[in-house]
Protein backbone atom coordinates (compact mmCIF):
# COMPACT_ATOMS: atom_id res chain seq x y z
CA MET A 1 116.10 134.84 31.14
CA TYR A 2 113.88 131.75 31.36
CA LEU A 3 113.85 130.01 34.74
CA ASN A 4 111.99 126.89 35.90
CA THR A 5 112.73 125.14 39.20
CA GLY A 6 111.37 122.64 41.68
CA TYR A 7 112.36 121.95 45.31
CA LEU A 8 111.73 119.01 47.62
CA ASN A 9 108.81 119.95 49.90
CA HIS A 10 109.08 123.45 48.35
CA SER A 11 112.10 124.16 50.58
CA HIS A 12 115.08 126.09 49.22
CA MET A 13 117.33 124.99 52.10
CA ASP A 14 120.63 123.27 51.28
CA PHE A 15 120.67 119.99 53.21
CA LYS A 16 122.45 116.72 53.82
CA ASP A 17 120.36 113.63 54.54
CA LYS A 18 121.69 110.08 54.95
CA SER A 19 118.42 108.48 55.99
CA ARG A 20 118.08 106.94 52.50
CA PRO A 21 120.58 105.89 49.83
CA LEU A 22 119.57 108.62 47.36
CA ILE A 23 117.40 111.73 47.76
CA VAL A 24 116.69 114.40 45.15
CA GLY A 25 116.63 117.88 46.71
CA SER A 26 116.01 120.24 43.79
CA CYS A 27 116.17 120.58 40.03
CA GLY A 28 115.87 123.41 37.56
CA THR A 29 116.84 125.04 34.29
CA TYR A 30 118.17 128.41 33.16
CA ARG A 31 118.11 129.84 29.66
CA LEU A 32 119.94 133.11 29.02
CA SER A 33 119.28 135.33 26.03
CA ARG A 34 119.33 139.05 26.81
CA HIS A 35 120.42 138.76 30.45
CA PRO A 36 124.15 139.72 30.36
CA LYS A 37 125.54 137.43 33.07
CA LEU A 38 124.47 134.84 35.64
CA PRO A 39 127.24 134.22 38.21
CA THR A 40 127.34 131.72 41.07
CA TYR A 41 129.87 131.83 43.88
CA ARG A 42 129.80 129.44 46.84
CA PRO A 43 133.29 129.50 48.40
CA ARG A 44 132.42 126.63 50.77
CA GLY A 45 130.32 124.75 48.28
CA ARG A 46 127.11 123.03 49.30
CA LEU A 47 126.21 120.12 51.59
CA ASP A 48 124.81 118.06 48.72
CA TYR A 49 125.90 116.87 45.27
CA GLN A 50 125.13 118.82 42.13
CA ILE A 51 125.09 117.94 38.42
CA ILE A 52 125.00 120.74 35.86
CA TYR A 53 124.13 119.74 32.29
CA ILE A 54 125.00 122.29 29.62
CA THR A 55 122.64 121.85 26.69
CA ALA A 56 123.51 125.05 24.77
CA GLY A 57 126.23 127.69 24.84
CA CYS A 58 128.89 127.18 27.49
CA GLY A 59 129.78 127.79 31.14
CA TYR A 60 132.89 129.29 32.71
CA PHE A 61 133.95 127.21 35.71
CA HIS A 62 136.66 127.85 38.30
CA PHE A 63 137.61 124.49 39.80
CA ASP A 64 139.62 124.43 43.05
CA ASN A 65 140.80 128.02 42.61
CA VAL A 66 138.84 131.17 41.76
CA ASN A 67 141.65 132.24 39.41
CA ASN A 68 141.45 129.10 37.30
CA GLU A 69 138.98 129.10 34.45
CA THR A 70 137.71 126.13 32.45
CA ILE A 71 135.29 126.73 29.60
CA VAL A 72 132.82 123.85 29.46
CA PRO A 73 130.78 123.74 26.22
CA ALA A 74 127.39 122.22 25.50
CA GLY A 75 127.26 118.44 25.64
CA ASN A 76 129.07 118.20 28.96
CA ILE A 77 128.02 117.77 32.56
CA VAL A 78 129.81 119.17 35.58
CA LEU A 79 129.65 117.21 38.84
CA TYR A 80 130.15 119.00 42.15
CA ARG A 81 130.58 117.08 45.38
CA PRO A 82 129.81 118.35 48.89
CA LYS A 83 131.88 121.27 50.19
CA GLU A 84 133.71 121.85 46.90
CA LEU A 85 134.29 125.45 45.83
CA GLN A 86 131.60 126.46 43.36
CA LYS A 87 132.32 129.44 41.14
CA TYR A 88 130.92 129.62 37.64
CA GLU A 89 129.34 132.09 35.22
CA TYR A 90 126.99 131.97 32.26
CA TYR A 91 126.79 134.82 29.72
CA GLY A 92 123.81 135.93 27.69
CA GLU A 93 125.90 136.43 24.56
CA ASP A 94 126.60 132.67 24.56
CA LYS A 95 122.84 131.96 24.75
CA THR A 96 123.62 129.41 27.44
CA GLU A 97 121.05 126.90 28.59
CA VAL A 98 121.65 124.57 31.51
CA TYR A 99 119.81 122.06 33.65
CA TRP A 100 120.86 121.36 37.23
CA ILE A 101 119.96 118.89 39.94
CA HIS A 102 120.94 118.63 43.61
CA PHE A 103 120.89 115.33 45.47
CA THR A 104 122.12 113.72 48.67
CA GLY A 105 121.94 110.37 50.49
CA SER A 106 123.93 107.69 52.29
CA ASN A 107 125.11 105.87 49.16
CA VAL A 108 125.66 108.64 46.62
CA LYS A 109 129.39 108.08 46.24
CA ASN A 110 128.95 104.39 45.38
CA ILE A 111 126.01 105.10 43.07
CA LEU A 112 128.09 107.62 41.13
CA ARG A 113 130.95 105.13 40.87
CA GLN A 114 128.49 102.48 39.68
CA TYR A 115 127.41 104.73 36.83
CA GLY A 116 130.93 105.60 35.69
CA PHE A 117 131.73 108.81 37.58
CA PRO A 118 135.22 108.52 39.17
CA ASP A 119 135.70 110.29 42.50
CA LYS A 120 138.02 113.08 41.37
CA GLU A 121 136.71 113.92 37.89
CA ARG A 122 134.33 116.83 37.44
CA VAL A 123 133.61 117.24 33.72
CA PHE A 124 132.08 114.46 31.61
CA GLN A 125 131.25 114.60 27.92
CA VAL A 126 127.81 113.05 27.43
CA GLY A 127 126.66 114.84 24.27
CA THR A 128 123.42 116.73 23.80
CA SER A 129 120.21 114.73 23.85
CA ASN A 130 116.52 115.51 24.06
CA GLU A 131 116.23 112.45 26.32
CA TYR A 132 118.27 114.17 29.03
CA GLU A 133 116.13 117.30 28.84
CA GLN A 134 112.90 115.31 29.09
CA ILE A 135 114.13 113.57 32.25
CA PHE A 136 115.13 116.88 33.83
CA LYS A 137 111.72 118.36 32.97
CA ARG A 138 109.92 115.39 34.53
CA ILE A 139 111.97 115.77 37.71
CA ILE A 140 111.08 119.47 37.91
CA ILE A 141 107.38 118.66 37.46
CA GLU A 142 107.48 115.97 40.17
CA LEU A 143 109.10 118.43 42.58
CA GLN A 144 106.49 121.07 41.79
CA ARG A 145 103.41 118.83 42.04
CA CYS A 146 104.39 116.62 45.01
CA GLN A 147 102.07 113.78 43.96
CA ASP A 148 101.83 110.44 45.75
CA ASN A 149 105.18 108.63 46.05
CA TYR A 150 106.89 111.49 44.25
CA GLU A 151 110.11 111.17 46.28
CA GLU A 152 110.47 107.59 45.09
CA MET A 153 109.71 108.70 41.53
CA LEU A 154 112.42 111.38 41.81
CA VAL A 155 115.01 108.75 42.70
CA LEU A 156 113.93 106.56 39.78
CA LEU A 157 114.18 109.50 37.39
CA LEU A 158 117.62 110.50 38.69
CA ARG A 159 118.84 106.92 38.24
CA HIS A 160 117.37 106.99 34.73
CA LEU A 161 119.37 110.15 34.05
CA LEU A 162 122.58 108.67 35.46
CA ILE A 163 122.12 105.48 33.43
CA SER A 164 121.58 107.52 30.26
CA PHE A 165 124.78 109.48 30.96
CA HIS A 166 126.66 106.24 31.69
CA ARG A 167 125.53 104.63 28.45
CA GLU A 168 126.79 107.59 26.46
CA LEU A 169 130.08 107.69 28.38
CA THR A 170 130.56 103.96 27.76
CA ARG A 171 129.63 104.27 24.09
CA GLU A 172 132.13 107.09 23.59
CA HIS A 173 134.82 105.03 25.30
CA ILE A 174 134.09 102.04 23.08
CA LEU A 175 134.14 104.18 19.93
CA LYS A 176 137.42 105.76 20.95
CA ASN A 177 138.94 102.32 21.60
CA GLU A 178 137.64 101.01 18.29
CA TYR A 179 139.14 104.00 16.48
CA LEU A 180 142.45 103.58 18.29
CA ASP A 181 142.64 99.83 17.59
CA HIS A 182 141.76 100.41 13.93
CA GLU A 183 144.44 103.08 13.47
CA MET A 184 147.14 101.08 15.25
CA ASP A 185 146.27 97.94 13.27
CA ASN A 186 146.54 99.98 10.07
CA ALA A 187 149.93 101.33 11.14
CA VAL A 188 151.28 97.87 12.01
CA THR A 189 150.12 96.51 8.65
CA PHE A 190 151.58 99.46 6.76
CA PHE A 191 154.97 99.18 8.50
CA ASN A 192 155.12 95.42 7.94
CA GLU A 193 154.39 95.84 4.24
CA ASN A 194 156.64 98.86 3.67
CA TYR A 195 159.39 98.43 6.27
CA ASN A 196 162.15 98.52 3.65
CA GLN A 197 160.96 101.85 2.25
CA ASN A 198 161.98 105.30 3.48
CA ILE A 199 159.17 105.83 6.00
CA HIS A 200 158.72 109.22 7.66
CA ILE A 201 156.64 108.94 10.82
CA ASP A 202 155.56 112.60 10.59
CA ASP A 203 154.22 112.06 7.08
CA TYR A 204 152.42 108.86 8.02
CA ALA A 205 150.71 110.47 11.02
CA ALA A 206 149.67 113.47 8.92
CA SER A 207 148.24 111.19 6.21
CA ARG A 208 145.96 109.65 8.85
CA GLY A 209 144.94 112.98 10.36
CA MET A 210 146.82 112.38 13.61
CA SER A 211 149.32 114.51 15.48
CA VAL A 212 152.79 112.96 15.60
CA SER A 213 152.97 112.99 19.40
CA TRP A 214 149.51 111.36 19.74
CA PHE A 215 150.39 108.69 17.19
CA ILE A 216 153.78 107.83 18.73
CA ARG A 217 152.36 107.76 22.27
CA ASN A 218 149.45 105.48 21.39
CA PHE A 219 151.48 103.27 19.03
CA LYS A 220 153.90 102.61 21.89
CA LYS A 221 151.01 101.74 24.22
CA TYR A 222 149.65 99.39 21.56
CA THR A 223 152.88 97.61 20.53
CA GLY A 224 155.35 98.31 23.33
CA SER A 225 157.72 100.21 21.04
CA THR A 226 157.83 103.49 19.15
CA PRO A 227 157.04 103.40 15.41
CA MET A 228 160.74 103.65 14.45
CA GLN A 229 161.73 100.98 16.97
CA PHE A 230 159.02 98.77 15.48
CA ILE A 231 160.24 99.35 11.92
CA VAL A 232 163.88 98.76 12.85
CA GLY A 233 162.85 95.56 14.63
CA ILE A 234 161.17 94.27 11.47
CA ARG A 235 164.22 95.16 9.36
CA ILE A 236 166.73 93.48 11.65
CA ASN A 237 164.58 90.37 12.19
CA ASN A 238 164.19 89.96 8.43
CA ALA A 239 167.92 90.51 7.96
CA GLN A 240 168.53 87.81 10.55
CA MET A 241 166.31 85.41 8.59
CA LEU A 242 168.10 86.23 5.32
CA LEU A 243 171.50 85.66 6.92
CA GLU A 244 170.33 82.23 8.06
CA THR A 245 168.56 81.03 4.92
CA THR A 246 170.21 82.71 1.91
CA THR A 247 173.64 83.31 0.41
CA TYR A 248 173.03 87.01 -0.23
CA SER A 249 175.98 89.20 0.67
CA ILE A 250 175.82 91.49 3.72
CA ASN A 251 175.55 94.48 1.39
CA GLU A 252 172.67 92.89 -0.52
CA ILE A 253 170.80 92.04 2.65
CA SER A 254 171.36 95.55 3.93
CA LYS A 255 169.66 96.97 0.82
CA ILE A 256 166.86 94.38 0.86
CA VAL A 257 165.76 95.42 4.37
CA GLY A 258 166.02 99.13 3.66
CA TYR A 259 169.58 100.31 4.45
CA ASP A 260 171.76 101.71 1.67
CA ASN A 261 174.63 102.16 4.12
CA GLN A 262 176.04 98.72 4.93
CA LEU A 263 178.22 100.06 7.74
CA TYR A 264 175.24 101.65 9.47
CA PHE A 265 173.24 98.43 9.01
CA SER A 266 176.05 96.33 10.51
CA ARG A 267 176.36 98.60 13.53
CA LEU A 268 172.61 98.53 14.11
CA PHE A 269 172.48 94.74 13.73
CA HIS A 270 175.30 94.36 16.24
CA LYS A 271 173.57 96.68 18.69
CA LEU A 272 170.34 94.69 18.61
CA LYS A 273 171.65 91.14 18.20
CA GLY A 274 175.01 91.26 19.93
CA TYR A 275 176.90 90.13 16.81
CA SER A 276 177.84 91.73 13.52
CA PRO A 277 175.98 90.28 10.49
CA ARG A 278 179.15 88.44 9.42
CA GLU A 279 179.70 86.99 12.91
CA TYR A 280 176.06 85.98 13.15
CA ARG A 281 176.16 84.13 9.80
CA LYS A 282 179.34 82.25 10.78
CA LEU A 283 177.80 81.32 14.12
CA ARG A 284 174.62 79.99 12.49
CA ASN A 285 176.59 78.03 9.86
CA LYS A 286 178.24 75.99 12.63
CA PHE A 287 174.94 74.34 13.47
């Protein structure tokens, strides 16, 4: 097992200090290869905050309850707050490598919020990056050497690390939103152009590599209606326009908008518009 650590004033004591907004207490790295297991168990947590960055392998974390287990793979950070149960294990067979940093201060909660870490979330996907590792290594060196103004440098480096995490978290959020908007725009266009065809939502979702439940849930968030409600709305609105502006029969209009069964079409039109197609046409012809 490879181990490299640094501690503020070379003290291994867990501490809480609100004399300054942000104070770095310790930082280090573990790399497991042949060592079978590295467990940590702090039932009452610590007095400070802790970030664990998993750069290789994975960690097995037990949040809130020792019987719960969450496997956190490389590319994620885990954030522990003061007095939270800490129970986690790393295994040599996973070839796990992690960096960790402890910090305290009078304004930590607001600083974390500022950099995109909500109060109750613990796991954040930030990806793997050599930049993160270089910052951690510089923090460890500063703690080990204790050069002039090193405590101030530690704070600057920690903020650098938090900003780097925040940029990645924001970038991932933007990419996810762009992907979502693109897929929903595609779906809306497809349904508008093919509304009178026999559309199967399951088949459409599969053709785009999406699960049906994910697609329906996000389409509803995007448009305010489910995919089938959206399609039916297009059909009935177009039928309404045809009833107003053409002399096509009810049966013809029913087929034009995608319904072979005129009776079913008429019932659906009545349900959504409050009139049967025939009643609606007579009503419009009065004006």
